[in-house]
Amino acid sequence: MTDAAAVRPATHADLRSLALVLARAFRSDPVHRWILPSELDWALASDAFFAMVARDLLRHESVYTTGSRAGAALWAPPYPAPSTRGQRIAMALRWYGALGRRAREVGEQLARIERAHPLEPHWYLAVLGTDPRHRGRGVGSALLAPILARCDADRVPAYLESSKRENVPFYERHGFRVLGEIVFRDGPTVWRMQRDPR
């Protein structure tokens, strides 16, 4: 697929399209459906949720997409620049706007995941999603490539949580290994995975 080779940094102009692509990609994802369980919640807030995360990571210039926006990889760098007070307030407003009454409960569970991150500096893959119409064409692998190459060059590990057991072998093919599991309270399991630099 030619588009798979056309990975590029995303910009704010891509934000709306990528939020919609990620909402389609994660429609059946156990963690994201735990966050937004009802069809109405999903329809009203899923793209806003992904736009919120992408907008925050765009400031680090660590969001990647393809020429036709067939997917997106949202990374947090090892040494992120701290957000300003205004950015934190804006993020909180978007968080509560997207998640409504579940914002606190979701925040508590996501904080558990964050506390389990490795202590050493690492690139964190927050979100990787491919439009369902483009799955199986190498888009996900292509989206991983820029930051994994940077990890190798800089001798820095990469880290992620896989929200589906069936995705674990995909990440293992890219050098990740399972560190352990986290079970959400009354919810799904995520697999903690790390890739050491090659």
N, C-alpha and C. Protein backbone atom coordinates (compact mmCIF):
# COMPACT_ATOMS: atom_id res chain seq x y z
N MET A 1 0.85 -1.18 0.00
CA MET A 1 0.00 0.00 0.00
C MET A 1 0.88 1.22 0.00
N THR A 2 0.72 2.11 -0.96
CA THR A 2 1.60 3.28 -1.05
C THR A 2 1.39 4.23 0.11
N ASP A 3 0.16 4.35 0.59
CA ASP A 3 -0.10 5.27 1.68
C ASP A 3 0.63 4.87 2.96
N ALA A 4 0.87 3.58 3.14
CA ALA A 4 1.56 3.12 4.35
C ALA A 4 2.97 3.68 4.43
N ALA A 5 3.59 3.94 3.29
CA ALA A 5 4.95 4.49 3.29
C ALA A 5 4.95 6.00 3.42
N ALA A 6 3.77 6.59 3.33
CA ALA A 6 3.69 8.05 3.33
C ALA A 6 3.36 8.60 4.71
N VAL A 7 4.02 8.07 5.73
CA VAL A 7 3.80 8.54 7.09
C VAL A 7 4.39 9.93 7.24
N ARG A 8 3.66 10.78 7.93
CA ARG A 8 4.10 12.17 8.13
C ARG A 8 3.64 12.65 9.49
N PRO A 9 4.30 13.67 10.03
CA PRO A 9 3.80 14.26 11.27
C PRO A 9 2.42 14.88 11.03
N ALA A 10 1.54 14.71 11.97
CA ALA A 10 0.21 15.31 11.88
C ALA A 10 0.29 16.78 12.32
N THR A 11 -0.68 17.55 11.88
CA THR A 11 -0.79 18.96 12.26
C THR A 11 -2.19 19.20 12.82
N HIS A 12 -2.41 20.40 13.30
CA HIS A 12 -3.74 20.75 13.82
C HIS A 12 -4.80 20.66 12.74
N ALA A 13 -4.41 20.83 11.49
CA ALA A 13 -5.38 20.71 10.39
C ALA A 13 -5.91 19.28 10.25
N ASP A 14 -5.18 18.30 10.78
CA ASP A 14 -5.59 16.89 10.72
C ASP A 14 -6.49 16.48 11.87
N LEU A 15 -6.61 17.33 12.86
CA LEU A 15 -7.20 16.93 14.14
C LEU A 15 -8.59 16.33 14.00
N ARG A 16 -9.49 17.01 13.31
CA ARG A 16 -10.87 16.52 13.19
C ARG A 16 -10.91 15.17 12.46
N SER A 17 -10.18 15.07 11.35
CA SER A 17 -10.19 13.81 10.59
C SER A 17 -9.63 12.66 11.41
N LEU A 18 -8.53 12.91 12.14
CA LEU A 18 -7.93 11.84 12.93
C LEU A 18 -8.81 11.42 14.09
N ALA A 19 -9.51 12.38 14.69
CA ALA A 19 -10.43 12.03 15.78
C ALA A 19 -11.52 11.10 15.28
N LEU A 20 -12.03 11.35 14.09
CA LEU A 20 -13.07 10.49 13.52
C LEU A 20 -12.52 9.11 13.14
N VAL A 21 -11.30 9.09 12.58
CA VAL A 21 -10.66 7.81 12.23
C VAL A 21 -10.45 6.97 13.48
N LEU A 22 -9.95 7.59 14.55
CA LEU A 22 -9.70 6.85 15.78
C LEU A 22 -11.01 6.38 16.42
N ALA A 23 -12.05 7.18 16.33
CA ALA A 23 -13.35 6.73 16.85
C ALA A 23 -13.83 5.49 16.10
N ARG A 24 -13.60 5.45 14.79
CA ARG A 24 -13.97 4.24 14.03
C ARG A 24 -13.07 3.06 14.42
N ALA A 25 -11.78 3.33 14.57
CA ALA A 25 -10.82 2.27 14.87
C ALA A 25 -11.08 1.62 16.23
N PHE A 26 -11.53 2.41 17.20
CA PHE A 26 -11.67 1.91 18.57
C PHE A 26 -13.12 1.60 18.95
N ARG A 27 -13.99 1.54 17.97
CA ARG A 27 -15.42 1.33 18.25
C ARG A 27 -15.67 0.05 19.05
N SER A 28 -14.89 -1.01 18.83
CA SER A 28 -15.09 -2.27 19.56
C SER A 28 -14.00 -2.52 20.60
N ASP A 29 -13.20 -1.52 20.90
CA ASP A 29 -12.10 -1.68 21.84
C ASP A 29 -12.64 -1.79 23.27
N PRO A 30 -12.22 -2.80 24.04
CA PRO A 30 -12.77 -3.01 25.38
C PRO A 30 -12.56 -1.83 26.33
N VAL A 31 -11.38 -1.22 26.32
CA VAL A 31 -11.13 -0.11 27.24
C VAL A 31 -11.92 1.13 26.85
N HIS A 32 -11.92 1.45 25.58
CA HIS A 32 -12.62 2.67 25.17
C HIS A 32 -14.13 2.51 25.28
N ARG A 33 -14.63 1.27 25.12
CA ARG A 33 -16.06 1.07 25.33
C ARG A 33 -16.40 1.02 26.83
N TRP A 34 -15.42 0.72 27.67
CA TRP A 34 -15.63 0.86 29.12
C TRP A 34 -15.70 2.34 29.47
N ILE A 35 -14.87 3.15 28.82
CA ILE A 35 -14.88 4.59 29.07
C ILE A 35 -16.20 5.20 28.61
N LEU A 36 -16.66 4.82 27.43
CA LEU A 36 -17.90 5.35 26.86
C LEU A 36 -18.80 4.15 26.51
N PRO A 37 -19.51 3.59 27.50
CA PRO A 37 -20.17 2.31 27.29
C PRO A 37 -21.43 2.34 26.43
N SER A 38 -22.22 3.38 26.50
CA SER A 38 -23.47 3.36 25.75
C SER A 38 -23.26 3.85 24.32
N GLU A 39 -24.14 3.41 23.44
CA GLU A 39 -24.05 3.85 22.05
C GLU A 39 -24.23 5.36 21.95
N LEU A 40 -25.09 5.92 22.78
CA LEU A 40 -25.30 7.36 22.77
C LEU A 40 -24.03 8.09 23.22
N ASP A 41 -23.43 7.61 24.33
CA ASP A 41 -22.17 8.21 24.80
C ASP A 41 -21.11 8.15 23.70
N TRP A 42 -21.02 6.98 23.04
CA TRP A 42 -20.00 6.82 22.00
C TRP A 42 -20.25 7.79 20.85
N ALA A 43 -21.49 7.87 20.42
CA ALA A 43 -21.82 8.76 19.30
C ALA A 43 -21.55 10.21 19.64
N LEU A 44 -21.82 10.60 20.88
CA LEU A 44 -21.69 12.00 21.27
C LEU A 44 -20.26 12.40 21.63
N ALA A 45 -19.47 11.45 22.15
CA ALA A 45 -18.21 11.87 22.78
C ALA A 45 -16.96 11.16 22.29
N SER A 46 -17.05 10.09 21.51
CA SER A 46 -15.82 9.36 21.17
C SER A 46 -14.84 10.21 20.37
N ASP A 47 -15.31 10.91 19.34
CA ASP A 47 -14.38 11.71 18.56
C ASP A 47 -13.83 12.86 19.39
N ALA A 48 -14.65 13.42 20.30
CA ALA A 48 -14.16 14.50 21.17
C ALA A 48 -13.06 13.99 22.10
N PHE A 49 -13.22 12.76 22.58
CA PHE A 49 -12.21 12.16 23.45
C PHE A 49 -10.87 12.03 22.71
N PHE A 50 -10.91 11.47 21.50
CA PHE A 50 -9.67 11.29 20.74
C PHE A 50 -9.08 12.63 20.31
N ALA A 51 -9.93 13.60 19.98
CA ALA A 51 -9.43 14.93 19.64
C ALA A 51 -8.72 15.56 20.83
N MET A 52 -9.24 15.35 22.02
CA MET A 52 -8.63 15.89 23.23
C MET A 52 -7.21 15.32 23.43
N VAL A 53 -7.08 14.00 23.29
CA VAL A 53 -5.77 13.38 23.47
C VAL A 53 -4.80 13.81 22.36
N ALA A 54 -5.27 13.82 21.12
CA ALA A 54 -4.41 14.21 20.00
C ALA A 54 -3.97 15.65 20.12
N ARG A 55 -4.89 16.53 20.50
CA ARG A 55 -4.55 17.95 20.64
C ARG A 55 -3.44 18.14 21.68
N ASP A 56 -3.53 17.40 22.78
CA ASP A 56 -2.52 17.52 23.82
C ASP A 56 -1.15 17.05 23.33
N LEU A 57 -1.12 15.94 22.56
CA LEU A 57 0.17 15.40 22.12
C LEU A 57 0.71 16.11 20.89
N LEU A 58 -0.13 16.81 20.15
CA LEU A 58 0.37 17.59 19.02
C LEU A 58 1.37 18.66 19.46
N ARG A 59 1.23 19.13 20.67
CA ARG A 59 2.16 20.18 21.14
C ARG A 59 3.58 19.63 21.29
N HIS A 60 3.72 18.30 21.35
CA HIS A 60 5.05 17.68 21.41
C HIS A 60 5.55 17.28 20.03
N GLU A 61 4.74 17.54 19.00
CA GLU A 61 5.10 17.15 17.63
C GLU A 61 5.38 15.65 17.56
N SER A 62 4.51 14.87 18.22
CA SER A 62 4.73 13.42 18.29
C SER A 62 3.47 12.64 17.90
N VAL A 63 2.71 13.22 16.98
CA VAL A 63 1.53 12.54 16.42
C VAL A 63 1.81 12.32 14.94
N TYR A 64 1.57 11.08 14.49
CA TYR A 64 1.85 10.73 13.10
C TYR A 64 0.60 10.20 12.42
N THR A 65 0.49 10.46 11.13
CA THR A 65 -0.59 9.94 10.32
C THR A 65 -0.03 9.59 8.95
N THR A 66 -0.92 9.26 8.02
CA THR A 66 -0.50 8.95 6.66
C THR A 66 -1.07 10.00 5.71
N GLY A 67 -0.67 9.91 4.45
CA GLY A 67 -1.12 10.89 3.48
C GLY A 67 -2.63 11.00 3.38
N SER A 68 -3.32 9.87 3.47
CA SER A 68 -4.78 9.89 3.37
C SER A 68 -5.45 9.78 4.75
N ARG A 69 -4.67 9.98 5.81
CA ARG A 69 -5.18 9.92 7.18
C ARG A 69 -5.86 8.57 7.46
N ALA A 70 -5.19 7.50 7.05
CA ALA A 70 -5.74 6.16 7.23
C ALA A 70 -5.58 5.65 8.67
N GLY A 71 -4.85 6.36 9.48
CA GLY A 71 -4.65 5.97 10.86
C GLY A 71 -3.85 7.03 11.57
N ALA A 72 -3.55 6.77 12.85
CA ALA A 72 -2.77 7.72 13.63
C ALA A 72 -2.03 7.01 14.74
N ALA A 73 -0.83 7.51 15.05
CA ALA A 73 -0.05 7.08 16.21
C ALA A 73 0.18 8.32 17.06
N LEU A 74 -0.23 8.25 18.31
CA LEU A 74 -0.10 9.38 19.24
C LEU A 74 0.90 8.99 20.32
N TRP A 75 2.04 9.67 20.32
CA TRP A 75 3.13 9.36 21.24
C TRP A 75 3.35 10.51 22.23
N ALA A 76 3.79 10.14 23.43
CA ALA A 76 4.28 11.13 24.40
C ALA A 76 5.79 10.93 24.51
N PRO A 77 6.56 12.01 24.42
CA PRO A 77 8.02 11.88 24.43
C PRO A 77 8.57 11.61 25.83
N PRO A 78 9.84 11.20 25.90
CA PRO A 78 10.45 10.88 27.20
C PRO A 78 10.54 12.08 28.13
N TYR A 79 10.77 13.25 27.59
CA TYR A 79 10.91 14.45 28.42
C TYR A 79 9.91 15.50 27.93
N PRO A 80 8.63 15.29 28.19
CA PRO A 80 7.65 16.25 27.66
C PRO A 80 7.78 17.61 28.31
N ALA A 81 7.61 18.63 27.49
CA ALA A 81 7.59 19.99 28.05
C ALA A 81 6.36 20.12 28.93
N PRO A 82 6.50 20.69 30.12
CA PRO A 82 5.33 20.79 31.00
C PRO A 82 4.27 21.70 30.37
N SER A 83 3.02 21.35 30.61
CA SER A 83 1.94 22.17 30.09
C SER A 83 1.79 23.42 30.94
N THR A 84 1.28 24.45 30.32
CA THR A 84 1.03 25.70 31.05
C THR A 84 -0.26 25.57 31.87
N ARG A 85 -0.47 26.51 32.76
CA ARG A 85 -1.70 26.50 33.56
C ARG A 85 -2.92 26.56 32.64
N GLY A 86 -2.86 27.40 31.62
CA GLY A 86 -3.96 27.53 30.67
C GLY A 86 -4.23 26.23 29.93
N GLN A 87 -3.16 25.53 29.54
CA GLN A 87 -3.33 24.25 28.85
C GLN A 87 -3.96 23.21 29.77
N ARG A 88 -3.56 23.21 31.05
CA ARG A 88 -4.13 22.26 32.01
C ARG A 88 -5.62 22.53 32.23
N ILE A 89 -5.98 23.79 32.33
CA ILE A 89 -7.40 24.15 32.51
C ILE A 89 -8.20 23.74 31.28
N ALA A 90 -7.66 24.04 30.10
CA ALA A 90 -8.35 23.68 28.86
C ALA A 90 -8.52 22.18 28.75
N MET A 91 -7.49 21.42 29.13
CA MET A 91 -7.56 19.96 29.08
C MET A 91 -8.63 19.44 30.04
N ALA A 92 -8.68 20.01 31.25
CA ALA A 92 -9.69 19.58 32.23
C ALA A 92 -11.10 19.84 31.71
N LEU A 93 -11.30 20.99 31.10
CA LEU A 93 -12.62 21.32 30.55
C LEU A 93 -13.00 20.35 29.43
N ARG A 94 -12.03 20.04 28.56
CA ARG A 94 -12.30 19.10 27.47
C ARG A 94 -12.57 17.70 28.03
N TRP A 95 -11.82 17.31 29.07
CA TRP A 95 -11.98 16.01 29.71
C TRP A 95 -13.40 15.85 30.23
N TYR A 96 -13.85 16.85 31.01
CA TYR A 96 -15.19 16.76 31.56
C TYR A 96 -16.25 16.92 30.48
N GLY A 97 -15.96 17.69 29.45
CA GLY A 97 -16.90 17.83 28.35
C GLY A 97 -17.08 16.53 27.58
N ALA A 98 -15.97 15.80 27.40
CA ALA A 98 -16.03 14.55 26.63
C ALA A 98 -16.60 13.40 27.45
N LEU A 99 -16.29 13.35 28.75
CA LEU A 99 -16.65 12.17 29.55
C LEU A 99 -17.82 12.40 30.50
N GLY A 100 -18.15 13.64 30.74
CA GLY A 100 -19.30 13.96 31.58
C GLY A 100 -19.21 13.31 32.95
N ARG A 101 -20.29 12.65 33.34
CA ARG A 101 -20.41 12.10 34.70
C ARG A 101 -19.39 11.02 35.01
N ARG A 102 -18.77 10.42 33.97
CA ARG A 102 -17.81 9.33 34.21
C ARG A 102 -16.37 9.84 34.30
N ALA A 103 -16.15 11.14 34.19
CA ALA A 103 -14.79 11.68 34.13
C ALA A 103 -13.96 11.28 35.34
N ARG A 104 -14.53 11.35 36.52
CA ARG A 104 -13.75 11.04 37.73
C ARG A 104 -13.37 9.56 37.77
N GLU A 105 -14.35 8.68 37.55
CA GLU A 105 -14.09 7.24 37.58
C GLU A 105 -13.06 6.84 36.53
N VAL A 106 -13.22 7.36 35.32
CA VAL A 106 -12.26 7.05 34.25
C VAL A 106 -10.89 7.59 34.61
N GLY A 107 -10.85 8.80 35.13
CA GLY A 107 -9.57 9.40 35.52
C GLY A 107 -8.84 8.57 36.56
N GLU A 108 -9.57 8.01 37.52
CA GLU A 108 -8.94 7.17 38.56
C GLU A 108 -8.32 5.91 37.95
N GLN A 109 -9.03 5.26 37.03
CA GLN A 109 -8.50 4.04 36.42
C GLN A 109 -7.31 4.35 35.51
N LEU A 110 -7.38 5.45 34.76
CA LEU A 110 -6.26 5.82 33.91
C LEU A 110 -5.04 6.24 34.73
N ALA A 111 -5.28 6.81 35.91
CA ALA A 111 -4.17 7.16 36.80
C ALA A 111 -3.45 5.89 37.29
N ARG A 112 -4.21 4.81 37.53
CA ARG A 112 -3.59 3.52 37.89
C ARG A 112 -2.64 3.06 36.78
N ILE A 113 -3.09 3.20 35.55
CA ILE A 113 -2.26 2.80 34.41
C ILE A 113 -1.01 3.67 34.35
N GLU A 114 -1.19 4.96 34.55
CA GLU A 114 -0.04 5.86 34.46
C GLU A 114 0.99 5.56 35.55
N ARG A 115 0.53 5.20 36.74
CA ARG A 115 1.47 4.87 37.82
C ARG A 115 2.28 3.62 37.52
N ALA A 116 1.80 2.78 36.62
CA ALA A 116 2.51 1.55 36.27
C ALA A 116 3.54 1.75 35.17
N HIS A 117 3.64 2.96 34.64
CA HIS A 117 4.65 3.22 33.59
C HIS A 117 6.06 2.99 34.14
N PRO A 118 6.98 2.61 33.27
CA PRO A 118 8.38 2.47 33.72
C PRO A 118 8.91 3.79 34.28
N LEU A 119 9.81 3.69 35.23
CA LEU A 119 10.38 4.90 35.82
C LEU A 119 11.40 5.55 34.91
N GLU A 120 12.08 4.74 34.08
CA GLU A 120 13.09 5.31 33.20
C GLU A 120 12.42 6.08 32.06
N PRO A 121 13.11 7.08 31.53
CA PRO A 121 12.54 7.84 30.40
C PRO A 121 12.21 6.90 29.24
N HIS A 122 11.06 7.13 28.59
CA HIS A 122 10.61 6.27 27.50
C HIS A 122 9.64 7.03 26.62
N TRP A 123 9.52 6.56 25.38
CA TRP A 123 8.46 7.02 24.49
C TRP A 123 7.23 6.21 24.81
N TYR A 124 6.10 6.89 25.01
CA TYR A 124 4.85 6.21 25.37
C TYR A 124 3.87 6.28 24.20
N LEU A 125 3.47 5.12 23.70
CA LEU A 125 2.46 5.06 22.64
C LEU A 125 1.09 5.12 23.30
N ALA A 126 0.49 6.29 23.30
CA ALA A 126 -0.81 6.48 23.95
C ALA A 126 -1.94 5.87 23.12
N VAL A 127 -1.87 6.04 21.80
CA VAL A 127 -2.93 5.55 20.91
C VAL A 127 -2.31 5.16 19.58
N LEU A 128 -2.70 4.00 19.07
CA LEU A 128 -2.39 3.60 17.70
C LEU A 128 -3.67 3.03 17.11
N GLY A 129 -4.16 3.64 16.04
CA GLY A 129 -5.39 3.16 15.43
C GLY A 129 -5.36 3.30 13.92
N THR A 130 -5.97 2.33 13.25
CA THR A 130 -6.09 2.34 11.80
C THR A 130 -7.56 2.30 11.43
N ASP A 131 -7.93 3.09 10.46
CA ASP A 131 -9.30 3.05 9.95
C ASP A 131 -9.63 1.60 9.57
N PRO A 132 -10.76 1.06 10.01
CA PRO A 132 -11.08 -0.34 9.69
C PRO A 132 -11.00 -0.67 8.21
N ARG A 133 -11.25 0.31 7.35
CA ARG A 133 -11.19 0.05 5.91
C ARG A 133 -9.77 -0.19 5.41
N HIS A 134 -8.76 0.15 6.23
CA HIS A 134 -7.36 0.03 5.81
C HIS A 134 -6.58 -0.99 6.63
N ARG A 135 -7.25 -1.75 7.48
CA ARG A 135 -6.54 -2.73 8.30
C ARG A 135 -5.94 -3.83 7.45
N GLY A 136 -4.81 -4.34 7.92
CA GLY A 136 -4.15 -5.43 7.21
C GLY A 136 -3.31 -4.99 6.03
N ARG A 137 -3.08 -3.68 5.91
CA ARG A 137 -2.31 -3.15 4.79
C ARG A 137 -1.00 -2.50 5.22
N GLY A 138 -0.59 -2.73 6.46
CA GLY A 138 0.69 -2.21 6.92
C GLY A 138 0.66 -0.81 7.48
N VAL A 139 -0.52 -0.24 7.64
CA VAL A 139 -0.60 1.14 8.13
C VAL A 139 -0.08 1.24 9.57
N GLY A 140 -0.53 0.33 10.44
CA GLY A 140 -0.09 0.39 11.83
C GLY A 140 1.42 0.25 11.97
N SER A 141 2.01 -0.68 11.23
CA SER A 141 3.46 -0.86 11.28
C SER A 141 4.18 0.39 10.79
N ALA A 142 3.67 0.97 9.71
CA ALA A 142 4.30 2.18 9.17
C ALA A 142 4.20 3.33 10.17
N LEU A 143 3.08 3.43 10.87
CA LEU A 143 2.91 4.52 11.84
C LEU A 143 3.84 4.36 13.05
N LEU A 144 4.18 3.13 13.39
CA LEU A 144 5.12 2.90 14.50
C LEU A 144 6.55 3.26 14.13
N ALA A 145 6.90 3.11 12.86
CA ALA A 145 8.29 3.15 12.43
C ALA A 145 9.07 4.41 12.81
N PRO A 146 8.55 5.62 12.62
CA PRO A 146 9.38 6.80 12.90
C PRO A 146 9.87 6.88 14.35
N ILE A 147 8.98 6.63 15.31
CA ILE A 147 9.40 6.75 16.70
C ILE A 147 10.23 5.55 17.14
N LEU A 148 9.93 4.35 16.64
CA LEU A 148 10.77 3.21 17.00
C LEU A 148 12.19 3.39 16.47
N ALA A 149 12.32 3.97 15.28
CA ALA A 149 13.67 4.26 14.76
C ALA A 149 14.37 5.28 15.65
N ARG A 150 13.61 6.24 16.11
CA ARG A 150 14.20 7.26 17.01
C ARG A 150 14.59 6.63 18.34
N CYS A 151 13.77 5.71 18.85
CA CYS A 151 14.12 5.00 20.09
C CYS A 151 15.45 4.29 19.93
N ASP A 152 15.64 3.61 18.80
CA ASP A 152 16.89 2.89 18.56
C ASP A 152 18.07 3.84 18.45
N ALA A 153 17.88 4.94 17.74
CA ALA A 153 18.97 5.91 17.55
C ALA A 153 19.35 6.57 18.87
N ASP A 154 18.36 6.86 19.71
CA ASP A 154 18.61 7.56 20.98
C ASP A 154 18.81 6.61 22.16
N ARG A 155 18.67 5.30 21.90
CA ARG A 155 18.81 4.27 22.95
C ARG A 155 17.80 4.48 24.08
N VAL A 156 16.53 4.64 23.68
CA VAL A 156 15.44 4.89 24.63
C VAL A 156 14.37 3.82 24.42
N PRO A 157 13.81 3.25 25.48
CA PRO A 157 12.76 2.25 25.30
C PRO A 157 11.43 2.89 24.87
N ALA A 158 10.54 2.06 24.38
CA ALA A 158 9.16 2.45 24.07
C ALA A 158 8.24 1.62 24.95
N TYR A 159 7.08 2.19 25.26
CA TYR A 159 6.16 1.54 26.19
C TYR A 159 4.73 1.78 25.72
N LEU A 160 3.85 0.81 25.98
CA LEU A 160 2.44 0.96 25.62
C LEU A 160 1.60 0.03 26.48
N GLU A 161 0.29 0.22 26.41
CA GLU A 161 -0.66 -0.73 26.95
C GLU A 161 -1.54 -1.21 25.80
N SER A 162 -1.60 -2.52 25.62
CA SER A 162 -2.49 -3.08 24.61
C SER A 162 -3.83 -3.39 25.26
N SER A 163 -4.88 -2.87 24.68
CA SER A 163 -6.21 -3.07 25.27
C SER A 163 -6.92 -4.30 24.70
N LYS A 164 -6.26 -5.00 23.79
CA LYS A 164 -6.81 -6.26 23.26
C LYS A 164 -5.72 -7.32 23.27
N ARG A 165 -6.05 -8.49 23.80
CA ARG A 165 -5.07 -9.59 23.82
C ARG A 165 -4.62 -9.94 22.40
N GLU A 166 -5.55 -9.88 21.42
CA GLU A 166 -5.19 -10.26 20.06
C GLU A 166 -4.22 -9.30 19.39
N ASN A 167 -4.02 -8.11 19.98
CA ASN A 167 -3.04 -7.17 19.42
C ASN A 167 -1.63 -7.39 19.97
N VAL A 168 -1.51 -8.18 21.03
CA VAL A 168 -0.20 -8.42 21.64
C VAL A 168 0.80 -8.99 20.63
N PRO A 169 0.45 -10.01 19.82
CA PRO A 169 1.43 -10.53 18.85
C PRO A 169 1.89 -9.48 17.84
N PHE A 170 1.01 -8.57 17.44
CA PHE A 170 1.40 -7.49 16.53
C PHE A 170 2.53 -6.67 17.15
N TYR A 171 2.38 -6.28 18.39
CA TYR A 171 3.42 -5.50 19.05
C TYR A 171 4.67 -6.32 19.31
N GLU A 172 4.49 -7.60 19.60
CA GLU A 172 5.67 -8.46 19.78
C GLU A 172 6.50 -8.53 18.50
N ARG A 173 5.86 -8.54 17.36
CA ARG A 173 6.60 -8.54 16.09
C ARG A 173 7.44 -7.28 15.93
N HIS A 174 7.08 -6.22 16.63
CA HIS A 174 7.84 -4.98 16.56
C HIS A 174 8.81 -4.83 17.73
N GLY A 175 9.01 -5.92 18.47
CA GLY A 175 10.03 -5.92 19.51
C GLY A 175 9.54 -5.68 20.92
N PHE A 176 8.24 -5.50 21.12
CA PHE A 176 7.70 -5.30 22.47
C PHE A 176 7.55 -6.64 23.17
N ARG A 177 7.63 -6.61 24.49
CA ARG A 177 7.38 -7.79 25.29
C ARG A 177 6.41 -7.42 26.41
N VAL A 178 5.63 -8.39 26.86
CA VAL A 178 4.64 -8.15 27.91
C VAL A 178 5.35 -8.06 29.26
N LEU A 179 5.04 -6.99 30.01
CA LEU A 179 5.58 -6.83 31.36
C LEU A 179 4.60 -7.30 32.42
N GLY A 180 3.33 -7.24 32.11
CA GLY A 180 2.30 -7.62 33.09
C GLY A 180 0.94 -7.15 32.63
N GLU A 181 -0.04 -7.33 33.49
CA GLU A 181 -1.42 -6.97 33.18
C GLU A 181 -1.96 -6.02 34.24
N ILE A 182 -2.91 -5.19 33.83
CA ILE A 182 -3.68 -4.36 34.75
C ILE A 182 -5.15 -4.62 34.46
N VAL A 183 -5.91 -4.94 35.50
CA VAL A 183 -7.34 -5.19 35.35
C VAL A 183 -8.09 -3.99 35.89
N PHE A 184 -8.92 -3.39 35.05
CA PHE A 184 -9.75 -2.27 35.48
C PHE A 184 -10.77 -2.77 36.49
N ARG A 185 -11.14 -1.91 37.43
CA ARG A 185 -12.21 -2.24 38.36
C ARG A 185 -13.51 -2.40 37.59
N ASP A 186 -14.11 -3.58 37.67
CA ASP A 186 -15.35 -3.88 36.92
C ASP A 186 -15.19 -3.60 35.43
N GLY A 187 -14.00 -3.92 34.91
CA GLY A 187 -13.77 -3.60 33.51
C GLY A 187 -12.75 -4.52 32.86
N PRO A 188 -12.17 -4.05 31.76
CA PRO A 188 -11.28 -4.89 30.95
C PRO A 188 -9.88 -4.99 31.52
N THR A 189 -9.07 -5.78 30.83
CA THR A 189 -7.65 -5.96 31.15
C THR A 189 -6.81 -5.28 30.09
N VAL A 190 -5.68 -4.69 30.51
CA VAL A 190 -4.71 -4.16 29.54
C VAL A 190 -3.38 -4.86 29.78
N TRP A 191 -2.61 -5.01 28.70
CA TRP A 191 -1.32 -5.67 28.74
C TRP A 191 -0.24 -4.62 28.62
N ARG A 192 0.60 -4.51 29.66
CA ARG A 192 1.71 -3.56 29.67
C ARG A 192 2.85 -4.14 28.84
N MET A 193 3.38 -3.35 27.90
CA MET A 193 4.41 -3.86 26.99
C MET A 193 5.53 -2.84 26.84
N GLN A 194 6.74 -3.33 26.77
CA GLN A 194 7.91 -2.46 26.59
C GLN A 194 8.80 -3.01 25.49
N ARG A 195 9.41 -2.09 24.76
CA ARG A 195 10.38 -2.44 23.71
C ARG A 195 11.70 -1.76 24.05
N ASP A 196 12.73 -2.56 24.23
CA ASP A 196 14.06 -2.00 24.48
C ASP A 196 14.68 -1.60 23.14
N PRO A 197 15.52 -0.58 23.15
CA PRO A 197 16.11 -0.14 21.88
C PRO A 197 16.99 -1.23 21.27
N ARG A 198 17.04 -1.27 19.95
CA ARG A 198 17.84 -2.27 19.24
C ARG A 198 19.16 -1.65 18.84
